[in-house]
Amino acid sequence: MARVPELVATTLDRLATQAALHARGAALEPYIPIGQLRDDVLRSELRGSRREALWKRVRSVVEGNANVRASVREGRGGD
């Protein structure tokens, strides 16, 4: 699980980029659906069990960040 800090940094960078794109009008939403974010960050991890274990640890750290608001909402596509 040594990759967790790197994956957390990638996740936070991806979220910050999305927020900046939205602020400039280049993205429709200021957020990224959790499934899309997970798949983007963990695209190189192919084993399902390892993927879920990694994501559980990454998600707990990211959701503990004061700059991140974790919530469930329905987007334009129904996710």
N, C-alpha and C. Protein backbone atom coordinates (compact mmCIF):
# COMPACT_ATOMS: atom_id res chain seq x y z
N MET A 1 0.82 -1.20 0.00
CA MET A 1 0.00 0.00 0.00
C MET A 1 0.86 1.27 0.00
N ALA A 2 2.08 1.12 -0.43
CA ALA A 2 3.00 2.25 -0.48
C ALA A 2 2.57 3.28 -1.52
N ARG A 3 1.68 2.90 -2.41
CA ARG A 3 1.23 3.81 -3.46
C ARG A 3 0.16 4.79 -2.98
N VAL A 4 -0.38 4.59 -1.80
CA VAL A 4 -1.50 5.41 -1.33
C VAL A 4 -1.18 6.91 -1.34
N PRO A 5 -0.04 7.37 -0.79
CA PRO A 5 0.24 8.82 -0.83
C PRO A 5 0.29 9.37 -2.26
N GLU A 6 0.86 8.63 -3.16
CA GLU A 6 0.92 9.06 -4.57
C GLU A 6 -0.49 9.13 -5.17
N LEU A 7 -1.31 8.14 -4.87
CA LEU A 7 -2.68 8.12 -5.40
C LEU A 7 -3.54 9.23 -4.78
N VAL A 8 -3.31 9.53 -3.51
CA VAL A 8 -4.02 10.63 -2.86
C VAL A 8 -3.65 11.95 -3.55
N ALA A 9 -2.37 12.15 -3.80
CA ALA A 9 -1.92 13.37 -4.48
C ALA A 9 -2.53 13.48 -5.87
N THR A 10 -2.57 12.38 -6.60
CA THR A 10 -3.17 12.37 -7.94
C THR A 10 -4.65 12.71 -7.86
N THR A 11 -5.34 12.14 -6.89
CA THR A 11 -6.77 12.39 -6.71
C THR A 11 -7.03 13.85 -6.39
N LEU A 12 -6.27 14.41 -5.46
CA LEU A 12 -6.45 15.82 -5.09
C LEU A 12 -6.12 16.75 -6.26
N ASP A 13 -5.09 16.41 -7.03
CA ASP A 13 -4.76 17.20 -8.23
C ASP A 13 -5.90 17.15 -9.24
N ARG A 14 -6.47 15.98 -9.43
CA ARG A 14 -7.57 15.81 -10.39
C ARG A 14 -8.78 16.63 -9.95
N LEU A 15 -9.09 16.62 -8.66
CA LEU A 15 -10.22 17.40 -8.15
C LEU A 15 -9.96 18.91 -8.28
N ALA A 16 -8.74 19.35 -7.99
CA ALA A 16 -8.40 20.76 -8.11
C ALA A 16 -8.48 21.22 -9.56
N THR A 17 -8.02 20.37 -10.48
CA THR A 17 -8.10 20.69 -11.90
C THR A 17 -9.55 20.84 -12.35
N GLN A 18 -10.40 19.93 -11.90
CA GLN A 18 -11.82 20.00 -12.26
C GLN A 18 -12.46 21.29 -11.74
N ALA A 19 -12.15 21.66 -10.51
CA ALA A 19 -12.69 22.88 -9.93
C ALA A 19 -12.22 24.11 -10.72
N ALA A 20 -10.95 24.11 -11.10
CA ALA A 20 -10.40 25.24 -11.87
C ALA A 20 -11.04 25.31 -13.26
N LEU A 21 -11.23 24.17 -13.89
CA LEU A 21 -11.89 24.15 -15.21
C LEU A 21 -13.31 24.69 -15.11
N HIS A 22 -13.99 24.31 -14.06
CA HIS A 22 -15.37 24.79 -13.87
C HIS A 22 -15.38 26.30 -13.64
N ALA A 23 -14.45 26.78 -12.84
CA ALA A 23 -14.37 28.22 -12.55
C ALA A 23 -14.13 29.04 -13.81
N ARG A 24 -13.38 28.47 -14.77
CA ARG A 24 -13.10 29.16 -16.04
C ARG A 24 -14.20 28.94 -17.08
N GLY A 25 -15.18 28.11 -16.73
CA GLY A 25 -16.27 27.83 -17.66
C GLY A 25 -15.95 26.72 -18.65
N ALA A 26 -14.86 25.99 -18.42
CA ALA A 26 -14.45 24.93 -19.34
C ALA A 26 -14.99 23.56 -18.95
N ALA A 27 -15.72 23.47 -17.82
CA ALA A 27 -16.33 22.21 -17.39
C ALA A 27 -17.73 22.52 -16.88
N LEU A 28 -18.66 21.64 -17.15
CA LEU A 28 -20.05 21.86 -16.73
C LEU A 28 -20.23 21.76 -15.22
N GLU A 29 -19.53 20.83 -14.60
CA GLU A 29 -19.69 20.59 -13.16
C GLU A 29 -18.39 20.85 -12.41
N PRO A 30 -18.48 21.31 -11.16
CA PRO A 30 -17.27 21.54 -10.37
C PRO A 30 -16.75 20.25 -9.71
N TYR A 31 -17.46 19.16 -9.87
CA TYR A 31 -17.11 17.91 -9.23
C TYR A 31 -16.90 16.81 -10.27
N ILE A 32 -16.40 15.67 -9.78
CA ILE A 32 -16.22 14.48 -10.61
C ILE A 32 -16.95 13.34 -9.91
N PRO A 33 -17.80 12.61 -10.61
CA PRO A 33 -18.46 11.45 -9.98
C PRO A 33 -17.42 10.48 -9.42
N ILE A 34 -17.71 9.92 -8.25
CA ILE A 34 -16.75 9.08 -7.53
C ILE A 34 -16.27 7.90 -8.37
N GLY A 35 -17.16 7.27 -9.10
CA GLY A 35 -16.76 6.13 -9.94
C GLY A 35 -15.80 6.54 -11.03
N GLN A 36 -16.06 7.67 -11.64
CA GLN A 36 -15.18 8.18 -12.70
C GLN A 36 -13.82 8.56 -12.13
N LEU A 37 -13.82 9.19 -10.97
CA LEU A 37 -12.57 9.58 -10.31
C LEU A 37 -11.75 8.34 -9.96
N ARG A 38 -12.40 7.35 -9.37
CA ARG A 38 -11.72 6.10 -9.01
C ARG A 38 -11.09 5.44 -10.23
N ASP A 39 -11.89 5.32 -11.30
CA ASP A 39 -11.38 4.67 -12.51
C ASP A 39 -10.23 5.44 -13.14
N ASP A 40 -10.29 6.76 -13.07
CA ASP A 40 -9.22 7.58 -13.62
C ASP A 40 -7.93 7.42 -12.82
N VAL A 41 -8.04 7.49 -11.51
CA VAL A 41 -6.86 7.43 -10.63
C VAL A 41 -6.25 6.02 -10.62
N LEU A 42 -7.09 5.00 -10.67
CA LEU A 42 -6.60 3.63 -10.55
C LEU A 42 -6.59 2.88 -11.89
N ARG A 43 -6.47 3.60 -12.98
CA ARG A 43 -6.52 2.94 -14.29
C ARG A 43 -5.43 1.92 -14.52
N SER A 44 -4.29 2.04 -13.83
CA SER A 44 -3.20 1.08 -14.02
C SER A 44 -3.33 -0.16 -13.12
N GLU A 45 -4.24 -0.14 -12.18
CA GLU A 45 -4.43 -1.29 -11.28
C GLU A 45 -5.56 -2.15 -11.83
N LEU A 46 -5.21 -3.34 -12.29
CA LEU A 46 -6.18 -4.21 -12.96
C LEU A 46 -6.83 -5.24 -12.04
N ARG A 47 -6.19 -5.58 -10.95
CA ARG A 47 -6.76 -6.58 -10.03
C ARG A 47 -7.85 -5.95 -9.18
N GLY A 48 -9.05 -6.50 -9.27
CA GLY A 48 -10.21 -5.93 -8.58
C GLY A 48 -10.08 -5.82 -7.08
N SER A 49 -9.58 -6.87 -6.43
CA SER A 49 -9.47 -6.84 -4.97
C SER A 49 -8.45 -5.80 -4.51
N ARG A 50 -7.33 -5.73 -5.20
CA ARG A 50 -6.30 -4.73 -4.85
C ARG A 50 -6.82 -3.33 -5.14
N ARG A 51 -7.53 -3.19 -6.24
CA ARG A 51 -8.11 -1.91 -6.64
C ARG A 51 -9.05 -1.36 -5.56
N GLU A 52 -9.93 -2.22 -5.08
CA GLU A 52 -10.88 -1.79 -4.05
C GLU A 52 -10.19 -1.46 -2.73
N ALA A 53 -9.18 -2.25 -2.36
CA ALA A 53 -8.44 -1.98 -1.12
C ALA A 53 -7.70 -0.64 -1.21
N LEU A 54 -7.06 -0.40 -2.35
CA LEU A 54 -6.37 0.88 -2.56
C LEU A 54 -7.35 2.03 -2.50
N TRP A 55 -8.46 1.91 -3.22
CA TRP A 55 -9.41 3.01 -3.28
C TRP A 55 -10.02 3.32 -1.91
N LYS A 56 -10.26 2.29 -1.12
CA LYS A 56 -10.80 2.51 0.22
C LYS A 56 -9.87 3.38 1.04
N ARG A 57 -8.58 3.10 0.96
CA ARG A 57 -7.59 3.89 1.72
C ARG A 57 -7.44 5.30 1.15
N VAL A 58 -7.39 5.41 -0.18
CA VAL A 58 -7.26 6.72 -0.82
C VAL A 58 -8.49 7.57 -0.49
N ARG A 59 -9.65 7.00 -0.63
CA ARG A 59 -10.90 7.74 -0.38
C ARG A 59 -10.98 8.26 1.05
N SER A 60 -10.55 7.43 2.02
CA SER A 60 -10.63 7.88 3.41
C SER A 60 -9.72 9.08 3.67
N VAL A 61 -8.55 9.10 3.05
CA VAL A 61 -7.64 10.23 3.22
C VAL A 61 -8.18 11.46 2.50
N VAL A 62 -8.64 11.30 1.28
CA VAL A 62 -9.14 12.42 0.48
C VAL A 62 -10.38 13.04 1.14
N GLU A 63 -11.29 12.22 1.61
CA GLU A 63 -12.50 12.75 2.24
C GLU A 63 -12.21 13.44 3.56
N GLY A 64 -11.05 13.16 4.15
CA GLY A 64 -10.65 13.84 5.37
C GLY A 64 -10.02 15.21 5.13
N ASN A 65 -9.76 15.53 3.86
CA ASN A 65 -9.18 16.82 3.49
C ASN A 65 -10.25 17.90 3.60
N ALA A 66 -9.93 19.00 4.27
CA ALA A 66 -10.90 20.07 4.48
C ALA A 66 -11.34 20.75 3.18
N ASN A 67 -10.57 20.60 2.11
CA ASN A 67 -10.92 21.21 0.83
C ASN A 67 -11.82 20.34 -0.03
N VAL A 68 -12.14 19.16 0.45
CA VAL A 68 -12.95 18.22 -0.31
C VAL A 68 -14.28 18.02 0.39
N ARG A 69 -15.35 18.14 -0.36
CA ARG A 69 -16.68 17.88 0.17
C ARG A 69 -17.22 16.63 -0.50
N ALA A 70 -17.31 15.57 0.27
CA ALA A 70 -17.83 14.31 -0.26
C ALA A 70 -19.34 14.29 -0.06
N SER A 71 -20.06 14.09 -1.15
CA SER A 71 -21.50 14.02 -1.07
C SER A 71 -22.03 13.21 -2.25
N VAL A 72 -23.27 12.80 -2.12
CA VAL A 72 -23.92 12.06 -3.19
C VAL A 72 -24.89 13.01 -3.85
N ARG A 73 -24.78 13.09 -5.17
CA ARG A 73 -25.74 13.91 -5.92
C ARG A 73 -25.92 13.32 -7.29
N GLU A 74 -27.06 13.57 -7.85
CA GLU A 74 -27.34 13.07 -9.19
C GLU A 74 -26.90 14.09 -10.20
N GLY A 75 -26.06 13.67 -11.12
CA GLY A 75 -25.57 14.56 -12.15
C GLY A 75 -26.43 14.50 -13.40
N ARG A 76 -26.00 15.18 -14.42
CA ARG A 76 -26.74 15.22 -15.68
C ARG A 76 -26.95 13.85 -16.29
N GLY A 77 -25.97 12.96 -16.09
CA GLY A 77 -26.05 11.62 -16.66
C GLY A 77 -26.73 10.61 -15.75
N GLY A 78 -27.21 11.03 -14.59
CA GLY A 78 -27.88 10.15 -13.67
C GLY A 78 -26.98 9.54 -12.61
N ASP A 79 -25.67 9.80 -12.66
CA ASP A 79 -24.74 9.26 -11.65
C ASP A 79 -24.66 10.16 -10.45
